[in-house]
C-alpha atoms as a PDB file:
ATOM      1  CA  MET A   1      99.637  70.077 113.935  1.00  0.00           C
ATOM      2  CA  LYS A   2      99.691  73.756 113.088  1.00  0.00           C
ATOM      3  CA  LEU A   3      97.498  76.572 114.372  1.00  0.00           C
ATOM      4  CA  LEU A   4      96.376  79.289 111.969  1.00  0.00           C
ATOM      5  CA  PHE A   5      95.488  82.618 113.545  1.00  0.00           C
ATOM      6  CA  ILE A   6      93.423  84.978 111.402  1.00  0.00           C
ATOM      7  CA  TYR A   7      92.967  88.555 112.576  1.00  0.00           C
ATOM      8  CA  ASN A   8      89.833  90.570 111.855  1.00  0.00           C
ATOM      9  CA  ALA A   9      92.034  93.268 110.340  1.00  0.00           C
ATOM     10  CA  ASN A  10      93.629  93.868 106.959  1.00  0.00           C
ATOM     11  CA  SER A  11      97.373  94.023 106.356  1.00  0.00           C
ATOM     12  CA  GLY A  12      99.386  97.125 105.557  1.00  0.00           C
ATOM     13  CA  LYS A  13     100.895 100.061 107.403  1.00  0.00           C
ATOM     14  CA  LEU A  14      97.911 102.349 106.919  1.00  0.00           C
ATOM     15  CA  ASN A  15      95.558  99.704 108.294  1.00  0.00           C
ATOM     16  CA  ALA A  16      97.917  99.089 111.238  1.00  0.00           C
ATOM     17  CA  LEU A  17      97.911 102.816 112.017  1.00  0.00           C
ATOM     18  CA  PHE A  18      94.115 102.967 111.821  1.00  0.00           C
ATOM     19  CA  ASP A  19      93.798  99.869 114.034  1.00  0.00           C
ATOM     20  CA  ALA A  20      96.204 101.279 116.644  1.00  0.00           C
ATOM     21  CA  GLY A  21      94.191 104.499 116.784  1.00  0.00           C
ATOM     22  CA  HIS A  22      90.951 102.562 117.117  1.00  0.00           C
ATOM     23  CA  LYS A  23      92.373 100.443 119.970  1.00  0.00           C
ATOM     24  CA  LEU A  24      93.704 103.566 121.688  1.00  0.00           C
ATOM     25  CA  PHE A  25      90.614 105.778 121.441  1.00  0.00           C
ATOM     26  CA  SER A  26      87.763 103.259 121.392  1.00  0.00           C
ATOM     27  CA  PRO A  27      88.969  99.832 122.528  1.00  0.00           C
ATOM     28  CA  ALA A  28      85.471  98.612 123.448  1.00  0.00           C
ATOM     29  CA  THR A  29      84.337  98.873 119.818  1.00  0.00           C
ATOM     30  CA  TYR A  30      87.410  97.246 118.264  1.00  0.00           C
ATOM     31  CA  LYS A  31      86.231  94.111 116.447  1.00  0.00           C
ATOM     32  CA  CYS A  32      89.266  91.848 116.768  1.00  0.00           C
ATOM     33  CA  ALA A  33      89.461  89.927 120.035  1.00  0.00           C
ATOM     34  CA  LEU A  34      92.523  88.095 118.685  1.00  0.00           C
ATOM     35  CA  CYS A  35      94.319  91.430 118.238  1.00  0.00           C
ATOM     36  CA  ALA A  36      93.435  92.329 121.825  1.00  0.00           C
ATOM     37  CA  LEU A  37      94.850  89.006 123.027  1.00  0.00           C
ATOM     38  CA  THR A  38      98.134  89.142 121.106  1.00  0.00           C
ATOM     39  CA  TYR A  39      98.928  92.867 120.926  1.00  0.00           C
ATOM     40  CA  GLU A  40      98.965  95.924 123.119  1.00  0.00           C
ATOM     41  CA  THR A  41      98.127  99.203 121.395  1.00  0.00           C
ATOM     42  CA  PHE A  42     101.486  99.514 119.619  1.00  0.00           C
ATOM     43  CA  SER A  43     103.437  96.298 120.264  1.00  0.00           C
ATOM     44  CA  LYS A  44     103.094  92.574 120.961  1.00  0.00           C
ATOM     45  CA  ASN A  45     101.701  91.521 124.318  1.00  0.00           C
ATOM     46  CA  ASN A  46     104.697  90.261 126.357  1.00  0.00           C
ATOM     47  CA  LEU A  47     102.764  87.341 127.853  1.00  0.00           C
ATOM     48  CA  TRP A  48     101.741  86.225 124.362  1.00  0.00           C
ATOM     49  CA  LYS A  49     105.253  86.776 123.013  1.00  0.00           C
ATOM     50  CA  ASN A  50     106.725  84.560 125.757  1.00  0.00           C
ATOM     51  CA  PHE A  51     104.078  81.892 125.160  1.00  0.00           C
ATOM     52  CA  ARG A  52     105.016  81.729 121.475  1.00  0.00           C
ATOM     53  CA  ILE A  53     108.714  81.426 122.308  1.00  0.00           C
ATOM     54  CA  GLU A  54     108.125  78.609 124.808  1.00  0.00           C
ATOM     55  CA  SER A  55     105.473  76.733 122.817  1.00  0.00           C
ATOM     56  CA  ASN A  56     106.229  73.719 120.643  1.00  0.00           C
ATOM     57  CA  VAL A  57     103.181  74.378 118.478  1.00  0.00           C
ATOM     58  CA  ASP A  58     103.746  75.530 114.902  1.00  0.00           C
ATOM     59  CA  MET A  59     101.787  78.749 114.293  1.00  0.00           C
ATOM     60  CA  GLU A  60     100.978  80.900 111.255  1.00  0.00           C
ATOM     61  CA  PHE A  61      99.383  84.327 111.416  1.00  0.00           C
ATOM     62  CA  TYR A  62      97.289  86.044 108.761  1.00  0.00           C
ATOM     63  CA  HIS A  63      95.404  89.262 108.374  1.00  0.00           C
ATOM     64  CA  LYS A  64      91.993  88.564 106.871  1.00  0.00           C
ATOM     65  CA  ASP A  65      92.967  89.883 103.408  1.00  0.00           C
ATOM     66  CA  GLU A  66      96.082  87.666 103.387  1.00  0.00           C
ATOM     67  CA  PHE A  67      94.093  84.609 104.481  1.00  0.00           C
ATOM     68  CA  GLU A  68      91.388  85.195 101.860  1.00  0.00           C
ATOM     69  CA  ALA A  69      94.054  85.534  99.147  1.00  0.00           C
ATOM     70  CA  LYS A  70      95.727  82.270 100.171  1.00  0.00           C
ATOM     71  CA  PHE A  71      92.492  80.334 100.857  1.00  0.00           C
ATOM     72  CA  PRO A  72      89.887  81.920  98.531  1.00  0.00           C
ATOM     73  CA  ASN A  73      87.311  79.117  98.892  1.00  0.00           C
ATOM     74  CA  ILE A  74      87.049  79.281 102.685  1.00  0.00           C
ATOM     75  CA  ASN A  75      84.352  81.547 104.074  1.00  0.00           C
ATOM     76  CA  MET A  76      84.376  82.300 107.801  1.00  0.00           C
ATOM     77  CA  ILE A  77      83.773  84.848 110.508  1.00  0.00           C
ATOM     78  CA  TYR A  78      86.860  86.646 111.837  1.00  0.00           C
ATOM     79  CA  PRO A  79      88.838  86.550 114.011  1.00  0.00           C
ATOM     80  CA  ALA A  80      89.479  82.813 113.960  1.00  0.00           C
ATOM     81  CA  ILE A  81      91.914  80.187 115.166  1.00  0.00           C
ATOM     82  CA  LEU A  82      92.063  77.033 113.059  1.00  0.00           C
ATOM     83  CA  LYS A  83      93.782  73.732 113.729  1.00  0.00           C
ATOM     84  CA  LEU A  84      95.505  72.333 110.656  1.00  0.00           C
ATOM     85  CA  GLU A  85      96.516  68.683 110.689  1.00  0.00           C
ATOM     86  CA  VAL A  86      99.643  68.177 108.587  1.00  0.00           C
END
């Protein structure tokens, strides 16, 4: 089993900077609950980081543009967590 985590954010440094500013100045309107769970404003959430280290579950993480490029025929609402049976 593998879990796929898809953020409601696009990849890239400029997007990361924009997202950090949005989380800092208007966190209530930020549209990625997965980002809020896994990251602080500028770095990974320590509780989440420790969970990933201690977990035996295989995990992959995608920004929505990366996920759509890899899986172009899947249409969904972001953020999302998917269970992939391998």
